[in-house]
Amino acid sequence: MTETNSSTEPIGQNLIKLISNLCFSVFVFTVLIFTVIAITYQPPDPWLESAPALTKLFTETENATFKNDDSILKTGEDLQSVSAPAVPPALSVQPITEDVIQKSEQMIEKSEQMIEKSKEEDSNLETLKSTGCEDLQVVNCSNPRVLTTVERFNLKLFKSIAFFEYQAPVNGSKPDECDVAWRFRNKKEKSWRKYRDFRRFKFGIGENCTYKIVHAGGWHSGVNARRQRIRLNTTRTSGSNPKIAQPLRDEEINDTIPSLGSQMNFRKGRYLYYSRGGDYCKGMNHYMWSFLCGLGEAMYLNRTFVMDLSICLEGSYNPSGKDEEGKDFRYYFDFEHLKEVASIVEESEFVRDWKKWDRAHKKKLPVKKVVTHKVTPIQLKKDKSTIIWRQFDAPEPENYWYSVCEGQAAKYIQRPWHALWKSKRLMNIVTEISGQMDWDFDAVHVVRGEKAKNKELWPHLDADTSPDALVAKLQAMIQPWRNLYVATNEPFYNYFDKLRSHFKVHLLDDYKELWGNTSDWYNETMLLNDGRPVEFDGYMRVAVDTEVLYRAKTRVETFYNLTSDCKDGINTC
């Protein structure tokens, strides 16, 4: 009996162990199945069954966009295709072997890897959200990347422009558009002045979650970014026409007449006063040569120059052929810049304060009258008079201002050419014309007029600037279908029609709206002329033509390019 009990006991124990292992195996598999189901289970939404279904959904939806809150609508590439591990269809009692245990451990390890991968995807999604990429479908104009994209685009496209002070972009007319304004200067311009442009940009999505510009509007197309103009007080002076609407003023132009201030300040000043001489109603080059002589002497004597803002425009600049008085200096030249670099006072204000002082005081202001230009600036250097008054009453040419700076005086009187710039209003027109051609143009200067008629001094000029000759010569120098600006004194507009078969021809008269009765120039010059319209005269045309010509990428001149005639006549080359 003892041997039998001892021989059967191991069999019972082994059976118990086998049952225990079987139960444990069932438990392990049950836990594993629930774990896998918990990880891989998705709601039975037919739209979310696969990545292809998502792709189809969003490509068929015209305006699918991302929400700004935490409800993120993922696109197809955001969903990684994950296949769930196969679950055994049925469980059967099998002996627990090393292989079974090893497979169980592998399945548990794979489940952990799936959990880790899911966490990694969530982390990547958070990173994507932090970069703002989900917002690119709707262009947010206040996003700093919008402005950065515009800046890079401009630098790449406009090589001849220096950009300054971009304004914050604003919304355009459509959800994918932004209007952007900035200040700039053409690199060929010597002055410090800045100009404004505002354009409309259409955005798309580029690589690596970036914006790209799909389309850029032309000059001044971004009207929503245009700065508001200042309307002056509508109260008119008694001499003005009350029926004329008050025009708008460009606040970037400050050409108001400076005041001398108190009478005591006036008395402490030292002035150089030139009476009107024979330079009046002469050509503009003559005027500038004489004006800068007087200003140069005032600087040499360390005095304030008394200047007359009224200019007489020579008849050659006027359609009537007659001299025209009463033109304002500020129509043609930059008075704001002149005030900054030189000490000046306007003549009528100076004379008014002078008379006011003499009426209020028994002791008159000390005045040094100089009746001849032969009295040199050196002789006046130590004069202590409040006013040095040069009078030009002699007959021509002894009554020209520039005579003061001739002879020995020329050695130490320097004409301050840096003080005389063209009017900012005229330069705004130059910038408009250049901007409308996107700063990408060539130009030709065609001199005709009286010179083409004078066969004695310019025997070949007329033939060398004929329409056929222009076509033949310009085709050899300028690429076909380039923007070609023609700066010319030829009055017949259609004279250059043959060029239009080879180039995109632009003439000054193509831009008449820039000085027409709805233009900024028209409104601003009316302010200077007490509400009366100002004519866009011949000198203004020459000034604008010249400055546009200077900004061309390729410049062709009449003399030395188009003709062998000399600029100043025969035998002067």
Protein backbone atom coordinates (compact mmCIF):
# COMPACT_ATOMS: atom_id res chain seq x y z
CA MET A 1 0.00 0.00 0.00
CA THR A 2 2.79 2.36 0.79
CA GLU A 3 4.47 1.90 -2.58
CA THR A 4 1.21 2.47 -4.46
CA ASN A 5 0.47 5.82 -2.75
CA SER A 6 3.99 7.02 -3.31
CA SER A 7 3.86 6.13 -7.01
CA THR A 8 0.54 7.91 -7.71
CA GLU A 9 1.23 11.19 -5.84
CA PRO A 10 3.39 12.83 -8.54
CA ILE A 11 0.66 12.26 -11.11
CA GLY A 12 -1.92 14.20 -9.07
CA GLN A 13 0.45 17.04 -8.39
CA ASN A 14 1.35 17.30 -12.06
CA LEU A 15 -2.35 17.45 -12.99
CA ILE A 16 -2.95 20.27 -10.52
CA LYS A 17 0.03 22.16 -11.92
CA LEU A 18 -1.23 21.66 -15.45
CA ILE A 19 -4.69 22.99 -14.57
CA SER A 20 -3.13 25.98 -12.78
CA ASN A 21 -0.95 26.79 -15.80
CA LEU A 22 -3.93 26.48 -18.09
CA CYS A 23 -5.98 28.93 -16.02
CA PHE A 24 -3.09 31.37 -15.90
CA SER A 25 -2.70 31.13 -19.67
CA VAL A 26 -6.38 31.90 -20.19
CA PHE A 27 -6.06 34.88 -17.88
CA VAL A 28 -2.98 36.20 -19.71
CA PHE A 29 -4.64 35.87 -23.10
CA THR A 30 -7.80 37.56 -21.83
CA VAL A 31 -5.83 40.53 -20.51
CA LEU A 32 -3.89 40.71 -23.75
CA ILE A 33 -7.04 40.69 -25.87
CA PHE A 34 -8.64 43.50 -23.86
CA THR A 35 -5.40 45.49 -24.05
CA VAL A 36 -5.24 45.20 -27.83
CA ILE A 37 -8.92 46.05 -28.22
CA ALA A 38 -8.56 49.12 -25.98
CA ILE A 39 -5.65 50.34 -28.05
CA THR A 40 -6.95 49.72 -31.54
CA TYR A 41 -10.68 50.22 -31.17
CA GLN A 42 -12.18 53.18 -33.13
CA PRO A 43 -15.81 54.33 -33.29
CA PRO A 44 -17.66 52.80 -36.21
CA ASP A 45 -17.46 56.04 -38.32
CA PRO A 46 -17.38 55.08 -42.02
CA TRP A 47 -15.54 58.37 -42.87
CA LEU A 48 -12.65 57.48 -40.61
CA GLU A 49 -12.14 53.86 -41.62
CA SER A 50 -9.05 54.55 -43.74
CA ALA A 51 -6.61 57.16 -44.93
CA PRO A 52 -7.99 56.96 -48.51
CA ALA A 53 -11.46 57.72 -47.17
CA LEU A 54 -10.12 60.84 -45.44
CA THR A 55 -8.30 61.95 -48.55
CA LYS A 56 -11.47 61.61 -50.57
CA LEU A 57 -13.45 63.53 -47.96
CA PHE A 58 -11.22 66.61 -47.90
CA THR A 59 -10.49 66.77 -51.59
CA GLU A 60 -14.21 66.81 -52.30
CA THR A 61 -14.85 69.54 -49.72
CA GLU A 62 -14.18 72.88 -51.40
CA ASN A 63 -13.45 75.04 -48.37
CA ALA A 64 -12.20 72.54 -45.81
CA THR A 65 -10.26 74.49 -43.21
CA PHE A 66 -8.74 73.86 -39.85
CA LYS A 67 -10.48 75.01 -36.70
CA ASN A 68 -8.65 77.44 -34.46
CA ASP A 69 -9.61 75.66 -31.25
CA ASP A 70 -8.59 72.19 -30.08
CA SER A 71 -10.95 70.42 -32.49
CA ILE A 72 -8.36 69.56 -35.11
CA LEU A 73 -9.54 68.08 -38.39
CA LYS A 74 -6.67 65.90 -39.48
CA THR A 75 -5.73 65.51 -43.10
CA GLY A 76 -4.85 62.21 -44.67
CA GLU A 77 -1.11 62.48 -44.03
CA ASP A 78 -1.76 63.08 -40.32
CA LEU A 79 -3.27 59.60 -39.96
CA GLN A 80 -0.72 56.82 -40.00
CA SER A 81 -2.08 53.46 -41.19
CA VAL A 82 -1.83 51.13 -38.21
CA SER A 83 -2.75 47.42 -38.51
CA ALA A 84 -3.92 45.74 -35.34
CA PRO A 85 -2.26 42.47 -34.38
CA ALA A 86 -4.25 39.37 -35.14
CA VAL A 87 -6.28 38.00 -32.28
CA PRO A 88 -6.60 34.23 -32.08
CA PRO A 89 -10.11 33.22 -33.21
CA ALA A 90 -10.47 30.70 -30.40
CA LEU A 91 -8.63 29.57 -27.39
CA SER A 92 -7.97 25.92 -26.76
CA VAL A 93 -6.32 24.12 -23.93
CA GLN A 94 -2.73 23.59 -24.88
CA PRO A 95 0.24 22.56 -22.86
CA ILE A 96 2.08 25.59 -21.51
CA THR A 97 5.48 25.46 -23.10
CA GLU A 98 8.38 27.87 -23.40
CA ASP A 99 7.17 28.79 -26.90
CA VAL A 100 3.75 29.83 -25.61
CA ILE A 101 5.23 31.99 -22.88
CA GLN A 102 7.70 33.58 -25.34
CA LYS A 103 4.89 34.45 -27.80
CA SER A 104 2.87 36.01 -25.00
CA GLU A 105 5.81 38.17 -23.99
CA GLN A 106 6.33 39.24 -27.62
CA MET A 107 2.68 40.25 -27.97
CA ILE A 108 2.81 42.28 -24.76
CA GLU A 109 6.01 43.99 -25.97
CA LYS A 110 4.36 44.80 -29.32
CA SER A 111 1.39 46.31 -27.51
CA GLU A 112 3.72 48.56 -25.51
CA GLN A 113 5.39 49.66 -28.76
CA MET A 114 2.01 50.57 -30.22
CA ILE A 115 1.19 52.66 -27.15
CA GLU A 116 4.54 54.44 -27.43
CA LYS A 117 3.99 55.10 -31.13
CA SER A 118 0.59 56.61 -30.41
CA LYS A 119 2.16 58.94 -27.83
CA GLU A 120 4.80 59.95 -30.40
CA GLU A 121 2.10 60.81 -32.94
CA ASP A 122 0.32 62.98 -30.37
CA SER A 123 3.62 64.74 -29.67
CA ASN A 124 4.18 65.39 -33.39
CA LEU A 125 0.69 66.81 -33.66
CA GLU A 126 1.36 69.21 -30.80
CA THR A 127 4.58 70.30 -32.51
CA LEU A 128 2.64 70.89 -35.73
CA LYS A 129 0.11 72.98 -33.85
CA SER A 130 2.85 75.03 -32.21
CA THR A 131 4.30 76.02 -35.61
CA GLY A 132 0.90 77.23 -36.79
CA CYS A 133 0.92 75.09 -39.92
CA GLU A 134 -2.71 74.14 -39.43
CA ASP A 135 -3.61 77.82 -39.93
CA LEU A 136 -2.04 78.19 -43.37
CA GLN A 137 -5.23 77.22 -45.15
CA VAL A 138 -6.66 80.57 -44.02
CA VAL A 139 -4.17 83.42 -44.52
CA ASN A 140 -3.77 85.38 -41.31
CA CYS A 141 -2.31 88.72 -42.47
CA SER A 142 -1.09 89.49 -38.94
CA ASN A 143 1.08 86.37 -38.96
CA PRO A 144 4.73 87.54 -39.00
CA ARG A 145 5.51 84.96 -41.69
CA VAL A 146 3.27 86.87 -44.13
CA LEU A 147 5.40 89.99 -43.90
CA THR A 148 8.62 87.96 -44.06
CA THR A 149 7.40 86.30 -47.26
CA VAL A 150 6.63 89.70 -48.83
CA GLU A 151 10.02 91.12 -47.83
CA ARG A 152 11.88 88.20 -49.41
CA PHE A 153 9.74 88.42 -52.55
CA ASN A 154 10.45 92.14 -52.98
CA LEU A 155 14.19 91.77 -52.45
CA LYS A 156 14.32 89.07 -55.10
CA LEU A 157 12.17 90.89 -57.65
CA PHE A 158 13.21 94.55 -57.28
CA LYS A 159 16.99 94.66 -57.38
CA SER A 160 17.14 98.43 -57.97
CA ILE A 161 15.05 99.35 -54.91
CA ALA A 162 16.11 99.88 -51.29
CA PHE A 163 13.23 99.02 -48.94
CA PHE A 164 12.46 100.70 -45.60
CA GLU A 165 9.78 100.57 -42.90
CA TYR A 166 7.21 97.97 -43.86
CA GLN A 167 3.75 98.50 -42.37
CA ALA A 168 1.76 95.66 -40.80
CA PRO A 169 -0.11 93.74 -43.53
CA VAL A 170 -3.89 94.11 -43.66
CA ASN A 171 -6.59 91.97 -45.24
CA GLY A 172 -7.12 92.18 -48.98
CA SER A 173 -10.41 91.57 -50.79
CA LYS A 174 -10.26 87.75 -50.51
CA PRO A 175 -9.34 85.32 -47.67
CA ASP A 176 -6.00 84.43 -49.30
CA GLU A 177 -4.94 88.06 -49.97
CA CYS A 178 -3.07 90.63 -47.91
CA ASP A 179 -2.29 94.28 -48.67
CA VAL A 180 1.16 95.49 -47.63
CA ALA A 181 2.65 99.00 -47.64
CA TRP A 182 6.27 100.07 -47.35
CA ARG A 183 8.61 102.99 -47.94
CA PHE A 184 11.46 102.75 -50.41
CA ARG A 185 14.02 104.60 -52.48
CA ASN A 186 15.43 103.87 -55.90
CA LYS A 187 19.13 103.08 -55.52
CA LYS A 188 19.95 105.52 -58.31
CA GLU A 189 18.48 108.43 -56.37
CA LYS A 190 21.05 110.46 -54.49
CA SER A 191 18.68 112.04 -51.99
CA TRP A 192 17.51 110.65 -48.64
CA ARG A 193 13.85 110.97 -49.63
CA LYS A 194 11.57 107.96 -49.33
CA TYR A 195 8.47 107.06 -51.29
CA ARG A 196 5.48 104.83 -50.59
CA ASP A 197 4.08 101.81 -52.37
CA PHE A 198 1.29 99.45 -51.35
CA ARG A 199 0.52 96.22 -53.17
CA ARG A 200 -1.84 93.26 -52.94
CA PHE A 201 -0.42 89.76 -52.61
CA LYS A 202 -2.15 86.40 -53.06
CA PHE A 203 -0.72 83.62 -50.89
CA GLY A 204 -0.45 79.85 -51.22
CA ILE A 205 1.23 77.11 -49.18
CA GLY A 206 4.84 76.31 -50.00
CA GLU A 207 7.17 73.53 -48.88
CA ASN A 208 8.03 72.85 -45.24
CA CYS A 209 4.97 74.64 -43.89
CA THR A 210 5.72 78.06 -45.40
CA TYR A 211 3.77 80.74 -47.22
CA LYS A 212 4.47 81.49 -50.86
CA ILE A 213 3.26 84.33 -53.05
CA VAL A 214 1.08 83.05 -55.87
CA HIS A 215 0.43 86.47 -57.41
CA ALA A 216 1.67 90.01 -56.72
CA GLY A 217 -0.39 93.01 -57.73
CA GLY A 218 1.03 96.01 -59.54
CA TRP A 219 1.97 99.47 -58.34
CA HIS A 220 -0.42 100.82 -55.66
CA SER A 221 -2.75 97.80 -55.97
CA GLY A 222 -3.05 97.19 -52.20
CA VAL A 223 -5.57 99.95 -51.60
CA ASN A 224 -6.52 98.69 -48.13
CA ALA A 225 -2.99 99.49 -46.95
CA ARG A 226 -3.00 103.01 -48.35
CA ARG A 227 -2.36 105.65 -45.74
CA GLN A 228 -5.16 108.09 -45.02
CA ARG A 229 -4.46 111.57 -46.32
CA ILE A 230 -4.79 114.67 -44.15
CA ARG A 231 -7.60 117.08 -44.98
CA LEU A 232 -6.76 120.59 -43.98
CA ASN A 233 -9.10 123.01 -42.21
CA THR A 234 -11.87 123.90 -44.62
CA THR A 235 -11.83 127.54 -43.51
CA ARG A 236 -10.64 129.50 -46.53
CA THR A 237 -8.90 132.83 -46.66
CA SER A 238 -10.90 135.84 -47.79
CA GLY A 239 -9.12 135.95 -51.13
CA SER A 240 -9.85 132.33 -52.01
CA ASN A 241 -12.77 130.85 -53.83
CA PRO A 242 -15.24 129.37 -51.27
CA LYS A 243 -16.75 127.09 -53.92
CA ILE A 244 -13.53 125.12 -54.34
CA ALA A 245 -13.37 121.99 -52.16
CA GLN A 246 -10.50 121.88 -49.74
CA PRO A 247 -7.84 119.53 -51.18
CA LEU A 248 -5.85 116.94 -49.29
CA ARG A 249 -2.25 117.43 -48.23
CA ASP A 250 0.66 115.01 -48.25
CA GLU A 251 1.96 115.12 -44.68
CA GLU A 252 5.39 113.96 -45.86
CA ILE A 253 5.91 117.30 -47.63
CA ASN A 254 6.58 120.23 -45.33
CA ASP A 255 7.17 123.27 -47.52
CA THR A 256 5.46 125.83 -45.32
CA ILE A 257 7.12 129.23 -45.20
CA PRO A 258 9.25 129.61 -42.05
CA SER A 259 8.41 132.44 -39.69
CA LEU A 260 10.98 134.79 -38.25
CA GLY A 261 9.25 134.68 -34.88
CA SER A 262 9.37 137.65 -32.53
CA GLN A 263 10.62 141.08 -33.47
CA MET A 264 13.57 140.61 -31.13
CA ASN A 265 14.60 137.48 -33.02
CA PHE A 266 14.28 139.44 -36.25
CA ARG A 267 16.55 142.18 -34.93
CA LYS A 268 19.22 139.69 -33.85
CA GLY A 269 19.39 138.15 -37.30
CA ARG A 270 21.84 138.97 -40.11
CA TYR A 271 20.45 138.96 -43.65
CA LEU A 272 21.60 139.07 -47.26
CA TYR A 273 18.91 140.52 -49.53
CA TYR A 274 19.09 140.40 -53.34
CA SER A 275 16.70 142.69 -55.26
CA ARG A 276 15.23 141.34 -58.46
CA GLY A 277 17.65 141.65 -61.38
CA GLY A 278 18.01 140.72 -65.02
CA ASP A 279 17.84 137.01 -64.21
CA TYR A 280 14.06 137.26 -63.91
CA CYS A 281 12.25 135.48 -66.79
CA LYS A 282 15.41 133.79 -68.01
CA GLY A 283 15.79 130.06 -68.61
CA MET A 284 15.68 127.73 -65.62
CA ASN A 285 19.37 126.86 -65.89
CA HIS A 286 20.19 130.58 -65.77
CA TYR A 287 17.89 131.00 -62.77
CA MET A 288 19.53 128.16 -60.83
CA TRP A 289 23.05 129.42 -61.61
CA SER A 290 22.18 132.87 -60.25
CA PHE A 291 20.10 131.70 -57.28
CA LEU A 292 22.87 129.42 -56.04
CA CYS A 293 25.36 132.27 -56.37
CA GLY A 294 23.28 134.38 -53.97
CA LEU A 295 22.76 131.45 -51.58
CA GLY A 296 26.47 130.64 -51.73
CA GLU A 297 27.40 134.20 -50.80
CA ALA A 298 24.95 134.15 -47.87
CA MET A 299 26.62 130.97 -46.58
CA TYR A 300 30.06 132.53 -47.01
CA LEU A 301 28.94 135.63 -45.05
CA ASN A 302 27.13 133.47 -42.47
CA ARG A 303 23.86 135.26 -43.15
CA THR A 304 20.25 134.31 -43.78
CA PHE A 305 19.39 134.55 -47.44
CA VAL A 306 16.21 136.46 -48.32
CA MET A 307 14.62 134.67 -51.25
CA ASP A 308 11.72 135.41 -53.56
CA LEU A 309 9.47 132.36 -53.96
CA SER A 310 7.90 133.87 -57.08
CA ILE A 311 9.50 132.67 -60.33
CA CYS A 312 8.98 133.94 -63.88
CA LEU A 313 8.94 130.96 -66.25
CA GLU A 314 10.54 131.63 -69.61
CA GLY A 315 8.28 131.38 -72.64
CA SER A 316 10.09 128.35 -74.11
CA TYR A 317 8.52 126.21 -71.36
CA ASN A 318 4.98 127.46 -72.03
CA PRO A 319 2.57 126.47 -74.83
CA SER A 320 1.80 130.14 -75.38
CA GLY A 321 5.47 130.93 -75.94
CA LYS A 322 5.19 133.86 -73.51
CA ASP A 323 6.92 134.39 -70.18
CA GLU A 324 4.67 133.65 -67.21
CA GLU A 325 5.18 135.34 -63.86
CA GLY A 326 3.89 134.23 -60.48
CA LYS A 327 5.14 130.63 -60.60
CA ASP A 328 5.91 129.27 -57.14
CA PHE A 329 9.44 128.06 -56.40
CA ARG A 330 7.89 125.06 -54.67
CA TYR A 331 6.34 123.81 -57.91
CA TYR A 332 9.79 122.97 -59.19
CA PHE A 333 12.14 122.62 -56.22
CA ASP A 334 12.16 120.99 -52.80
CA PHE A 335 11.64 123.86 -50.39
CA GLU A 336 11.59 121.54 -47.37
CA HIS A 337 15.09 120.29 -48.13
CA LEU A 338 16.31 123.83 -48.81
CA LYS A 339 15.10 124.93 -45.36
CA GLU A 340 16.98 122.06 -43.74
CA VAL A 341 20.38 122.75 -45.30
CA ALA A 342 20.37 126.55 -45.59
CA SER A 343 19.28 129.56 -43.55
CA ILE A 344 16.56 131.25 -45.61
CA VAL A 345 13.59 133.53 -45.16
CA GLU A 346 10.82 134.34 -47.62
CA GLU A 347 11.00 137.86 -49.06
CA SER A 348 7.47 139.13 -48.37
CA GLU A 349 7.61 138.03 -44.73
CA PHE A 350 11.05 139.57 -44.35
CA VAL A 351 9.95 142.92 -45.82
CA ARG A 352 6.82 142.96 -43.63
CA ASP A 353 8.82 142.39 -40.43
CA TRP A 354 11.39 144.95 -41.55
CA LYS A 355 8.72 147.63 -42.01
CA LYS A 356 7.07 146.65 -38.74
CA TRP A 357 10.36 147.12 -36.89
CA ASP A 358 11.04 150.51 -38.46
CA ARG A 359 7.54 151.75 -37.55
CA ALA A 360 7.88 150.61 -33.94
CA HIS A 361 11.39 151.97 -33.30
CA LYS A 362 12.96 155.37 -33.78
CA LYS A 363 16.31 153.79 -34.49
CA LYS A 364 16.10 152.10 -37.85
CA LEU A 365 17.76 148.82 -38.69
CA PRO A 366 21.32 149.24 -39.95
CA VAL A 367 21.34 148.50 -43.70
CA LYS A 368 24.31 148.22 -46.07
CA LYS A 369 23.24 148.96 -49.66
CA VAL A 370 25.46 147.52 -52.39
CA VAL A 371 24.71 148.92 -55.85
CA THR A 372 27.28 147.04 -57.92
CA HIS A 373 28.35 143.45 -58.20
CA LYS A 374 31.96 144.65 -58.22
CA VAL A 375 31.80 144.91 -54.42
CA THR A 376 33.10 141.45 -53.58
CA PRO A 377 31.93 139.11 -50.82
CA ILE A 378 35.39 139.46 -49.25
CA GLN A 379 34.79 143.17 -48.78
CA LEU A 380 31.48 142.45 -47.01
CA LYS A 381 32.79 139.70 -44.76
CA LYS A 382 33.28 141.93 -41.70
CA ASP A 383 30.25 144.17 -42.20
CA LYS A 384 28.09 144.32 -39.04
CA SER A 385 24.89 145.66 -40.64
CA THR A 386 21.69 143.75 -39.96
CA ILE A 387 20.88 143.77 -43.67
CA ILE A 388 23.23 143.71 -46.64
CA TRP A 389 21.08 144.74 -49.56
CA ARG A 390 22.46 144.01 -53.02
CA GLN A 391 20.63 146.02 -55.68
CA PHE A 392 20.84 145.10 -59.36
CA ASP A 393 19.73 148.23 -61.20
CA ALA A 394 22.40 148.29 -63.92
CA PRO A 395 21.56 147.30 -67.51
CA GLU A 396 22.05 143.71 -68.66
CA PRO A 397 24.29 141.81 -68.29
CA GLU A 398 25.62 143.87 -65.35
CA ASN A 399 22.44 143.15 -63.39
CA TYR A 400 22.76 139.37 -63.30
CA TRP A 401 23.03 137.83 -59.85
CA TYR A 402 25.68 135.36 -60.93
CA SER A 403 28.06 138.25 -61.68
CA VAL A 404 28.72 138.44 -57.92
CA CYS A 405 30.39 135.01 -58.04
CA GLU A 406 32.62 135.64 -61.05
CA GLY A 407 36.26 136.65 -61.14
CA GLN A 408 38.15 136.48 -57.88
CA ALA A 409 34.98 135.57 -55.90
CA ALA A 410 34.75 132.27 -57.76
CA LYS A 411 37.75 131.02 -55.77
CA TYR A 412 35.95 131.06 -52.43
CA ILE A 413 32.18 131.16 -53.19
CA GLN A 414 30.94 127.62 -53.65
CA ARG A 415 27.51 127.15 -55.16
CA PRO A 416 25.59 124.79 -52.83
CA TRP A 417 24.16 122.47 -55.45
CA HIS A 418 23.36 119.96 -52.71
CA ALA A 419 20.70 122.38 -51.43
CA LEU A 420 18.64 122.39 -54.62
CA TRP A 421 16.58 119.29 -55.30
CA LYS A 422 13.63 118.78 -57.61
CA SER A 423 10.22 119.10 -56.00
CA LYS A 424 9.03 116.06 -54.07
CA ARG A 425 5.71 116.44 -55.87
CA LEU A 426 7.39 116.07 -59.25
CA MET A 427 9.48 113.19 -57.93
CA ASN A 428 6.30 111.45 -56.79
CA ILE A 429 5.18 111.48 -60.44
CA VAL A 430 8.58 110.10 -61.48
CA THR A 431 8.19 107.32 -58.94
CA GLU A 432 4.62 106.58 -60.08
CA ILE A 433 5.70 106.19 -63.71
CA SER A 434 8.69 104.02 -62.84
CA GLY A 435 6.60 101.96 -60.41
CA GLN A 436 3.88 101.31 -62.97
CA MET A 437 6.59 99.77 -65.17
CA ASP A 438 7.72 97.74 -62.11
CA TRP A 439 11.15 99.42 -62.24
CA ASP A 440 12.04 97.17 -65.15
CA PHE A 441 12.38 99.35 -68.24
CA ASP A 442 14.82 100.86 -70.71
CA ALA A 443 14.72 104.42 -72.00
CA VAL A 444 15.74 106.51 -74.97
CA HIS A 445 16.20 110.29 -75.02
CA VAL A 446 15.06 111.67 -78.37
CA VAL A 447 15.97 115.35 -78.82
CA ARG A 448 14.20 116.99 -81.73
CA GLY A 449 12.33 120.29 -81.68
CA GLU A 450 14.27 123.36 -82.85
CA LYS A 451 17.54 121.45 -83.08
CA ALA A 452 16.14 119.01 -85.64
CA LYS A 453 15.06 122.00 -87.77
CA ASN A 454 18.48 123.66 -87.66
CA LYS A 455 20.40 121.86 -90.43
CA GLU A 456 23.41 124.17 -90.12
CA LEU A 457 24.29 123.17 -86.56
CA TRP A 458 22.78 119.66 -86.58
CA PRO A 459 22.81 118.43 -90.18
CA HIS A 460 21.98 114.76 -89.43
CA LEU A 461 19.80 114.99 -86.32
CA ASP A 462 16.44 115.03 -88.10
CA ALA A 463 17.22 111.95 -90.22
CA ASP A 464 18.94 110.08 -87.38
CA THR A 465 15.87 110.45 -85.16
CA SER A 466 13.29 109.61 -87.84
CA PRO A 467 10.88 106.75 -86.99
CA ASP A 468 12.63 104.25 -89.27
CA ALA A 469 16.08 105.18 -87.98
CA LEU A 470 14.91 104.84 -84.37
CA VAL A 471 13.54 101.35 -85.01
CA ALA A 472 16.77 100.19 -86.67
CA LYS A 473 19.07 101.58 -83.99
CA LEU A 474 17.06 100.65 -80.93
CA GLN A 475 16.58 97.06 -82.10
CA ALA A 476 20.35 96.68 -81.94
CA MET A 477 20.55 98.05 -78.38
CA ILE A 478 17.38 96.95 -76.56
CA GLN A 479 15.78 93.52 -76.26
CA PRO A 480 12.44 93.11 -78.05
CA TRP A 481 9.22 93.74 -76.14
CA ARG A 482 10.95 95.42 -73.25
CA ASN A 483 9.27 98.40 -71.58
CA LEU A 484 10.72 101.38 -73.47
CA TYR A 485 10.25 104.87 -72.06
CA VAL A 486 10.74 107.66 -74.61
CA ALA A 487 11.84 110.99 -73.08
CA THR A 488 11.44 113.57 -75.80
CA ASN A 489 10.54 117.12 -76.77
CA GLU A 490 8.81 115.86 -79.92
CA PRO A 491 5.24 117.28 -79.67
CA PHE A 492 3.59 114.76 -82.03
CA TYR A 493 2.44 111.82 -79.89
CA ASN A 494 2.14 109.30 -82.75
CA TYR A 495 5.64 110.01 -84.00
CA PHE A 496 6.91 106.87 -82.21
CA ASP A 497 4.18 104.47 -83.35
CA LYS A 498 6.59 102.32 -85.40
CA LEU A 499 8.45 101.45 -82.19
CA ARG A 500 5.29 99.89 -80.82
CA SER A 501 5.71 96.90 -83.14
CA HIS A 502 8.91 96.00 -81.31
CA PHE A 503 8.69 97.44 -77.77
CA LYS A 504 6.16 98.32 -75.08
CA VAL A 505 6.41 102.07 -75.64
CA HIS A 506 5.68 104.55 -72.85
CA LEU A 507 5.48 108.34 -73.27
CA LEU A 508 4.94 111.00 -70.63
CA ASP A 509 1.49 111.74 -72.01
CA ASP A 510 0.47 108.15 -71.23
CA TYR A 511 0.42 109.20 -67.59
CA LYS A 512 -1.65 112.39 -67.76
CA GLU A 513 -3.82 111.18 -64.89
CA LEU A 514 -0.86 111.75 -62.55
CA TRP A 515 -1.25 115.52 -62.91
CA GLY A 516 -4.94 115.61 -63.93
CA ASN A 517 -7.67 117.23 -61.86
CA THR A 518 -8.14 114.11 -59.69
CA SER A 519 -4.45 113.61 -58.90
CA ASP A 520 -2.52 114.23 -55.70
CA TRP A 521 -0.22 116.63 -57.57
CA TYR A 522 -3.19 118.70 -58.72
CA ASN A 523 -4.66 118.96 -55.23
CA GLU A 524 -1.37 119.73 -53.52
CA THR A 525 -0.27 122.44 -55.97
CA MET A 526 -3.70 124.09 -55.60
CA LEU A 527 -2.89 124.54 -51.93
CA LEU A 528 0.19 126.53 -52.89
CA ASN A 529 -1.78 128.60 -55.39
CA ASP A 530 -4.63 129.72 -53.12
CA GLY A 531 -7.09 127.20 -54.51
CA ARG A 532 -6.41 127.89 -58.19
CA PRO A 533 -5.35 125.06 -60.54
CA VAL A 534 -1.71 124.92 -61.61
CA GLU A 535 -0.65 124.07 -65.15
CA PHE A 536 1.72 121.17 -65.69
CA ASP A 537 4.14 123.23 -67.76
CA GLY A 538 7.06 122.48 -70.05
CA TYR A 539 9.74 122.64 -67.38
CA MET A 540 7.87 120.15 -65.24
CA ARG A 541 7.68 117.83 -68.23
CA VAL A 542 11.43 118.09 -68.78
CA ALA A 543 12.13 117.46 -65.09
CA VAL A 544 9.98 114.31 -64.98
CA ASP A 545 11.27 112.99 -68.32
CA THR A 546 14.86 113.42 -67.15
CA GLU A 547 14.40 111.63 -63.85
CA VAL A 548 12.54 108.68 -65.39
CA LEU A 549 15.34 108.43 -67.96
CA TYR A 550 17.95 108.21 -65.18
CA ARG A 551 16.15 105.24 -63.62
CA ALA A 552 16.19 103.08 -66.75
CA LYS A 553 18.26 99.89 -66.84
CA THR A 554 19.54 100.72 -70.32
CA ARG A 555 19.72 104.38 -71.35
CA VAL A 556 20.14 105.49 -74.97
CA GLU A 557 21.03 109.14 -75.61
CA THR A 558 20.39 111.14 -78.76
CA PHE A 559 23.92 112.45 -79.05
CA TYR A 560 26.68 109.86 -79.23
CA ASN A 561 24.12 107.01 -79.52
CA LEU A 562 21.51 107.92 -82.12
CA THR A 563 23.39 110.54 -84.10
CA SER A 564 26.96 111.60 -84.82
CA ASP A 565 26.01 115.29 -84.55
CA CYS A 566 27.47 117.22 -81.64
CA LYS A 567 25.28 118.15 -78.69
CA ASP A 568 26.12 121.85 -78.89
CA GLY A 569 26.26 122.09 -82.68
CA ILE A 570 28.72 121.36 -85.47
CA ASN A 571 32.41 121.13 -84.54
CA THR A 572 31.73 121.21 -80.76
CA CYS A 573 32.23 117.53 -80.01
